[in-house]
Amino acid sequence: MAGTRRRTPHFGKLDAKWKFERDKNGFQASVSGTSFAAVDTFMQQAFGKPKVSIDMNLNGQPQRVWAALDVGVAIHLIGRPDGADIICIRGMRDMGEMFDEMDKPWWKKIRIW
């Protein structure tokens, strides 16, 4: 089943360097010192098959997406030559809640790595 969290108590070890930034709606993580494939394998062990799987986006990066409806949070995994970036956003009831959570003007909050 796509995107279902696994109930297995043991996952493999992922040796990497992690850098986090978080706010009340989720977090962004930059993973380095490992390959995208290793991070992808680890994530699929934890959450199952992603809802969306792209081997190469317009920037030449692999991407995976797990949906909030399936795993409780929206997870976007983006490959880099030296690791991966992970964006995790908590599930919200609807678009109205999402806009209520954003400070106005919302476009000033957008961050690109």
N, C-alpha and C. Protein backbone atom coordinates (compact mmCIF):
# COMPACT_ATOMS: atom_id res chain seq x y z
N MET A 1 0.84 -1.18 0.00
CA MET A 1 0.00 0.00 0.00
C MET A 1 0.88 1.24 0.00
N ALA A 2 0.66 2.16 -0.91
CA ALA A 2 1.49 3.36 -1.03
C ALA A 2 1.36 4.26 0.18
N GLY A 3 2.51 4.72 0.66
CA GLY A 3 2.53 5.73 1.68
C GLY A 3 2.14 5.31 3.08
N THR A 4 1.98 4.06 3.35
CA THR A 4 1.57 3.62 4.68
C THR A 4 2.80 3.44 5.56
N ARG A 5 2.74 3.99 6.78
CA ARG A 5 3.86 3.85 7.71
C ARG A 5 4.00 2.40 8.10
N ARG A 6 5.22 1.90 8.09
CA ARG A 6 5.49 0.51 8.44
C ARG A 6 5.42 0.33 9.95
N ARG A 7 4.99 -0.80 10.40
CA ARG A 7 4.90 -1.09 11.82
C ARG A 7 6.13 -1.85 12.33
N THR A 8 7.11 -2.05 11.45
CA THR A 8 8.34 -2.75 11.82
C THR A 8 9.14 -1.90 12.78
N PRO A 9 9.57 -2.44 13.92
CA PRO A 9 10.30 -1.63 14.89
C PRO A 9 11.75 -1.35 14.53
N HIS A 10 12.32 -2.05 13.56
CA HIS A 10 13.74 -1.89 13.24
C HIS A 10 13.92 -1.39 11.81
N PHE A 11 14.71 -0.33 11.70
CA PHE A 11 15.08 0.19 10.40
C PHE A 11 16.59 0.16 10.31
N GLY A 12 17.10 0.18 9.10
CA GLY A 12 18.54 0.24 8.94
C GLY A 12 19.09 1.57 9.46
N LYS A 13 20.39 1.62 9.64
CA LYS A 13 21.05 2.82 10.12
C LYS A 13 21.43 3.68 8.92
N LEU A 14 21.23 4.98 9.05
CA LEU A 14 21.58 5.91 7.99
C LEU A 14 22.66 6.84 8.52
N ASP A 15 23.92 6.54 8.21
CA ASP A 15 25.03 7.38 8.63
C ASP A 15 25.11 8.59 7.73
N ALA A 16 24.84 9.76 8.30
CA ALA A 16 24.84 10.99 7.51
C ALA A 16 24.91 12.19 8.45
N LYS A 17 25.15 13.34 7.88
CA LYS A 17 25.08 14.60 8.63
C LYS A 17 23.71 15.22 8.36
N TRP A 18 23.05 15.67 9.42
CA TRP A 18 21.71 16.23 9.31
C TRP A 18 21.72 17.68 9.78
N LYS A 19 21.09 18.55 9.03
CA LYS A 19 20.91 19.94 9.42
C LYS A 19 19.41 20.23 9.35
N PHE A 20 18.84 20.75 10.45
CA PHE A 20 17.40 20.97 10.54
C PHE A 20 17.05 22.43 10.73
N GLU A 21 15.91 22.82 10.19
CA GLU A 21 15.23 24.07 10.51
C GLU A 21 13.77 23.70 10.67
N ARG A 22 13.12 24.21 11.74
CA ARG A 22 11.72 23.84 11.94
C ARG A 22 10.90 25.06 12.33
N ASP A 23 9.60 24.92 12.13
CA ASP A 23 8.64 25.90 12.61
C ASP A 23 7.42 25.13 13.07
N LYS A 24 6.34 25.83 13.39
CA LYS A 24 5.17 25.16 13.96
C LYS A 24 4.46 24.23 12.97
N ASN A 25 4.75 24.34 11.69
CA ASN A 25 4.07 23.52 10.70
C ASN A 25 4.89 22.37 10.15
N GLY A 26 6.16 22.29 10.54
CA GLY A 26 6.98 21.19 10.04
C GLY A 26 8.45 21.51 10.13
N PHE A 27 9.22 20.89 9.23
CA PHE A 27 10.66 21.12 9.24
C PHE A 27 11.24 20.91 7.85
N GLN A 28 12.46 21.42 7.68
CA GLN A 28 13.27 21.15 6.51
C GLN A 28 14.56 20.53 7.01
N ALA A 29 15.03 19.51 6.35
CA ALA A 29 16.29 18.87 6.74
C ALA A 29 17.17 18.75 5.50
N SER A 30 18.43 18.99 5.70
CA SER A 30 19.42 18.78 4.65
C SER A 30 20.30 17.62 5.11
N VAL A 31 20.35 16.57 4.32
CA VAL A 31 21.10 15.37 4.66
C VAL A 31 22.31 15.30 3.73
N SER A 32 23.51 15.18 4.31
CA SER A 32 24.72 15.09 3.48
C SER A 32 25.60 13.96 3.99
N GLY A 33 26.57 13.60 3.18
CA GLY A 33 27.46 12.51 3.55
C GLY A 33 26.92 11.14 3.22
N THR A 34 25.88 11.10 2.43
CA THR A 34 25.29 9.84 1.98
C THR A 34 24.65 10.08 0.62
N SER A 35 24.15 9.05 0.00
CA SER A 35 23.54 9.19 -1.32
C SER A 35 22.03 9.38 -1.21
N PHE A 36 21.46 9.93 -2.27
CA PHE A 36 20.00 10.03 -2.34
C PHE A 36 19.38 8.64 -2.24
N ALA A 37 19.99 7.67 -2.92
CA ALA A 37 19.45 6.30 -2.90
C ALA A 37 19.37 5.75 -1.49
N ALA A 38 20.37 6.02 -0.65
CA ALA A 38 20.35 5.53 0.73
C ALA A 38 19.23 6.19 1.54
N VAL A 39 19.05 7.50 1.35
CA VAL A 39 17.97 8.21 2.06
C VAL A 39 16.62 7.70 1.56
N ASP A 40 16.48 7.54 0.25
CA ASP A 40 15.24 7.05 -0.35
C ASP A 40 14.89 5.66 0.18
N THR A 41 15.86 4.78 0.25
CA THR A 41 15.62 3.43 0.78
C THR A 41 15.16 3.49 2.23
N PHE A 42 15.82 4.30 3.03
CA PHE A 42 15.45 4.46 4.44
C PHE A 42 14.01 4.98 4.57
N MET A 43 13.67 6.00 3.78
CA MET A 43 12.32 6.59 3.82
C MET A 43 11.27 5.57 3.39
N GLN A 44 11.57 4.77 2.37
CA GLN A 44 10.60 3.78 1.91
C GLN A 44 10.44 2.65 2.92
N GLN A 45 11.50 2.33 3.67
CA GLN A 45 11.35 1.35 4.75
C GLN A 45 10.40 1.89 5.82
N ALA A 46 10.47 3.19 6.07
CA ALA A 46 9.64 3.80 7.11
C ALA A 46 8.22 4.06 6.64
N PHE A 47 8.03 4.54 5.42
CA PHE A 47 6.72 5.02 4.97
C PHE A 47 6.11 4.27 3.80
N GLY A 48 6.82 3.31 3.26
CA GLY A 48 6.29 2.57 2.12
C GLY A 48 6.55 3.30 0.81
N LYS A 49 5.92 2.83 -0.22
CA LYS A 49 6.10 3.39 -1.55
C LYS A 49 5.55 4.82 -1.58
N PRO A 50 6.30 5.78 -2.14
CA PRO A 50 5.81 7.16 -2.20
C PRO A 50 4.63 7.31 -3.15
N LYS A 51 3.82 8.33 -2.89
CA LYS A 51 2.68 8.63 -3.76
C LYS A 51 3.17 9.09 -5.13
N VAL A 52 4.24 9.88 -5.14
CA VAL A 52 4.84 10.38 -6.38
C VAL A 52 6.31 10.02 -6.38
N SER A 53 6.79 9.50 -7.49
CA SER A 53 8.20 9.13 -7.62
C SER A 53 8.69 9.60 -8.99
N ILE A 54 9.65 10.55 -8.97
CA ILE A 54 10.18 11.11 -10.21
C ILE A 54 11.69 10.86 -10.22
N ASP A 55 12.17 10.20 -11.26
CA ASP A 55 13.60 9.92 -11.35
C ASP A 55 14.42 11.15 -11.69
N MET A 56 13.82 12.09 -12.46
CA MET A 56 14.55 13.31 -12.80
C MET A 56 13.54 14.43 -13.05
N ASN A 57 13.58 15.46 -12.18
CA ASN A 57 12.70 16.62 -12.40
C ASN A 57 13.35 17.56 -13.42
N LEU A 58 12.78 18.73 -13.60
CA LEU A 58 13.32 19.67 -14.59
C LEU A 58 14.72 20.16 -14.24
N ASN A 59 15.11 20.04 -12.97
CA ASN A 59 16.46 20.41 -12.55
C ASN A 59 17.41 19.22 -12.53
N GLY A 60 16.94 18.06 -12.98
CA GLY A 60 17.77 16.87 -13.03
C GLY A 60 17.87 16.13 -11.71
N GLN A 61 16.98 16.43 -10.75
CA GLN A 61 17.02 15.82 -9.43
C GLN A 61 15.93 14.76 -9.28
N PRO A 62 16.23 13.67 -8.58
CA PRO A 62 15.15 12.72 -8.25
C PRO A 62 14.28 13.29 -7.13
N GLN A 63 13.01 12.92 -7.12
CA GLN A 63 12.08 13.40 -6.10
C GLN A 63 11.12 12.30 -5.68
N ARG A 64 10.71 12.34 -4.43
CA ARG A 64 9.67 11.44 -3.90
C ARG A 64 8.73 12.28 -3.04
N VAL A 65 7.46 11.91 -3.04
CA VAL A 65 6.47 12.60 -2.21
C VAL A 65 5.59 11.58 -1.52
N TRP A 66 5.48 11.71 -0.20
CA TRP A 66 4.52 10.93 0.59
C TRP A 66 3.42 11.90 1.01
N ALA A 67 2.17 11.51 0.83
CA ALA A 67 1.04 12.40 1.08
C ALA A 67 0.63 12.41 2.55
N ALA A 68 0.18 13.57 3.01
CA ALA A 68 -0.28 13.71 4.39
C ALA A 68 -1.46 12.78 4.68
N LEU A 69 -2.32 12.55 3.72
CA LEU A 69 -3.45 11.64 3.93
C LEU A 69 -2.99 10.21 4.19
N ASP A 70 -1.84 9.85 3.65
CA ASP A 70 -1.33 8.49 3.80
C ASP A 70 -0.47 8.29 5.05
N VAL A 71 0.40 9.27 5.37
CA VAL A 71 1.35 9.08 6.47
C VAL A 71 1.20 10.09 7.60
N GLY A 72 0.25 11.02 7.50
CA GLY A 72 0.02 11.99 8.57
C GLY A 72 0.72 13.32 8.39
N VAL A 73 1.75 13.35 7.58
CA VAL A 73 2.46 14.58 7.21
C VAL A 73 2.81 14.48 5.73
N ALA A 74 2.97 15.62 5.08
CA ALA A 74 3.43 15.62 3.70
C ALA A 74 4.95 15.64 3.73
N ILE A 75 5.57 14.72 3.00
CA ILE A 75 7.03 14.62 2.97
C ILE A 75 7.49 14.72 1.52
N HIS A 76 8.41 15.63 1.29
CA HIS A 76 8.97 15.83 -0.05
C HIS A 76 10.48 15.57 0.06
N LEU A 77 10.96 14.57 -0.64
CA LEU A 77 12.37 14.19 -0.65
C LEU A 77 12.95 14.59 -2.00
N ILE A 78 14.03 15.39 -1.97
CA ILE A 78 14.64 15.91 -3.19
C ILE A 78 16.12 15.52 -3.20
N GLY A 79 16.57 14.89 -4.25
CA GLY A 79 17.96 14.45 -4.34
C GLY A 79 18.92 15.58 -4.66
N ARG A 80 20.13 15.46 -4.12
CA ARG A 80 21.26 16.33 -4.44
C ARG A 80 22.45 15.44 -4.73
N PRO A 81 23.47 15.95 -5.40
CA PRO A 81 24.64 15.11 -5.67
C PRO A 81 25.31 14.58 -4.40
N ASP A 82 25.22 15.33 -3.29
CA ASP A 82 25.88 14.91 -2.05
C ASP A 82 24.90 14.54 -0.95
N GLY A 83 23.66 14.20 -1.30
CA GLY A 83 22.68 13.82 -0.28
C GLY A 83 21.26 14.11 -0.72
N ALA A 84 20.48 14.71 0.20
CA ALA A 84 19.07 14.97 -0.10
C ALA A 84 18.54 16.07 0.81
N ASP A 85 17.47 16.68 0.39
CA ASP A 85 16.72 17.63 1.20
C ASP A 85 15.35 17.01 1.48
N ILE A 86 14.87 17.21 2.69
CA ILE A 86 13.57 16.70 3.10
C ILE A 86 12.74 17.86 3.60
N ILE A 87 11.54 18.00 3.07
CA ILE A 87 10.60 19.00 3.55
C ILE A 87 9.41 18.23 4.11
N CYS A 88 9.08 18.50 5.36
CA CYS A 88 7.99 17.79 6.04
C CYS A 88 7.00 18.83 6.57
N ILE A 89 5.74 18.71 6.17
CA ILE A 89 4.70 19.65 6.58
C ILE A 89 3.57 18.87 7.23
N ARG A 90 3.15 19.32 8.42
CA ARG A 90 2.07 18.63 9.12
C ARG A 90 0.79 18.68 8.32
N GLY A 91 -0.05 17.68 8.53
CA GLY A 91 -1.34 17.65 7.87
C GLY A 91 -2.25 18.76 8.40
N MET A 92 -3.06 19.34 7.55
CA MET A 92 -4.01 20.38 7.94
C MET A 92 -5.39 19.99 7.46
N ARG A 93 -6.40 20.48 8.15
CA ARG A 93 -7.78 20.12 7.82
C ARG A 93 -8.16 20.52 6.40
N ASP A 94 -7.77 21.75 6.00
CA ASP A 94 -8.15 22.26 4.70
C ASP A 94 -7.27 23.46 4.34
N MET A 95 -7.49 24.02 3.17
CA MET A 95 -6.70 25.18 2.73
C MET A 95 -6.91 26.38 3.65
N GLY A 96 -8.12 26.53 4.20
CA GLY A 96 -8.39 27.63 5.11
C GLY A 96 -7.47 27.59 6.32
N GLU A 97 -7.28 26.40 6.90
CA GLU A 97 -6.36 26.26 8.04
C GLU A 97 -4.94 26.59 7.62
N MET A 98 -4.56 26.16 6.43
CA MET A 98 -3.21 26.44 5.96
C MET A 98 -2.98 27.95 5.89
N PHE A 99 -3.91 28.69 5.28
CA PHE A 99 -3.73 30.13 5.16
C PHE A 99 -3.81 30.83 6.52
N ASP A 100 -4.63 30.32 7.43
CA ASP A 100 -4.69 30.88 8.79
C ASP A 100 -3.37 30.73 9.52
N GLU A 101 -2.65 29.65 9.25
CA GLU A 101 -1.36 29.39 9.91
C GLU A 101 -0.23 30.25 9.37
N MET A 102 -0.40 30.76 8.18
CA MET A 102 0.67 31.55 7.55
C MET A 102 0.58 33.00 7.99
N ASP A 103 1.72 33.58 8.27
CA ASP A 103 1.75 35.01 8.56
C ASP A 103 1.56 35.77 7.26
N LYS A 104 0.91 36.90 7.32
CA LYS A 104 0.69 37.70 6.13
C LYS A 104 1.79 38.73 6.03
N PRO A 105 2.30 39.12 4.89
CA PRO A 105 2.03 38.48 3.60
C PRO A 105 2.77 37.15 3.48
N TRP A 106 2.08 36.12 3.01
CA TRP A 106 2.60 34.76 2.99
C TRP A 106 3.81 34.59 2.09
N TRP A 107 3.90 35.36 1.00
CA TRP A 107 4.98 35.14 0.06
C TRP A 107 6.36 35.50 0.62
N LYS A 108 6.40 36.26 1.71
CA LYS A 108 7.69 36.59 2.33
C LYS A 108 8.25 35.42 3.14
N LYS A 109 7.42 34.41 3.42
CA LYS A 109 7.85 33.26 4.20
C LYS A 109 8.45 32.14 3.36
N ILE A 110 8.33 32.22 2.06
CA ILE A 110 8.84 31.16 1.18
C ILE A 110 10.36 31.17 1.20
N ARG A 111 10.95 29.99 1.45
CA ARG A 111 12.40 29.87 1.47
C ARG A 111 12.82 28.81 0.47
N ILE A 112 13.81 29.13 -0.28
CA ILE A 112 14.40 28.19 -1.25
C ILE A 112 15.79 27.85 -0.72
N TRP A 113 16.13 26.57 -0.71
CA TRP A 113 17.47 26.15 -0.20
C TRP A 113 18.54 26.73 -1.03
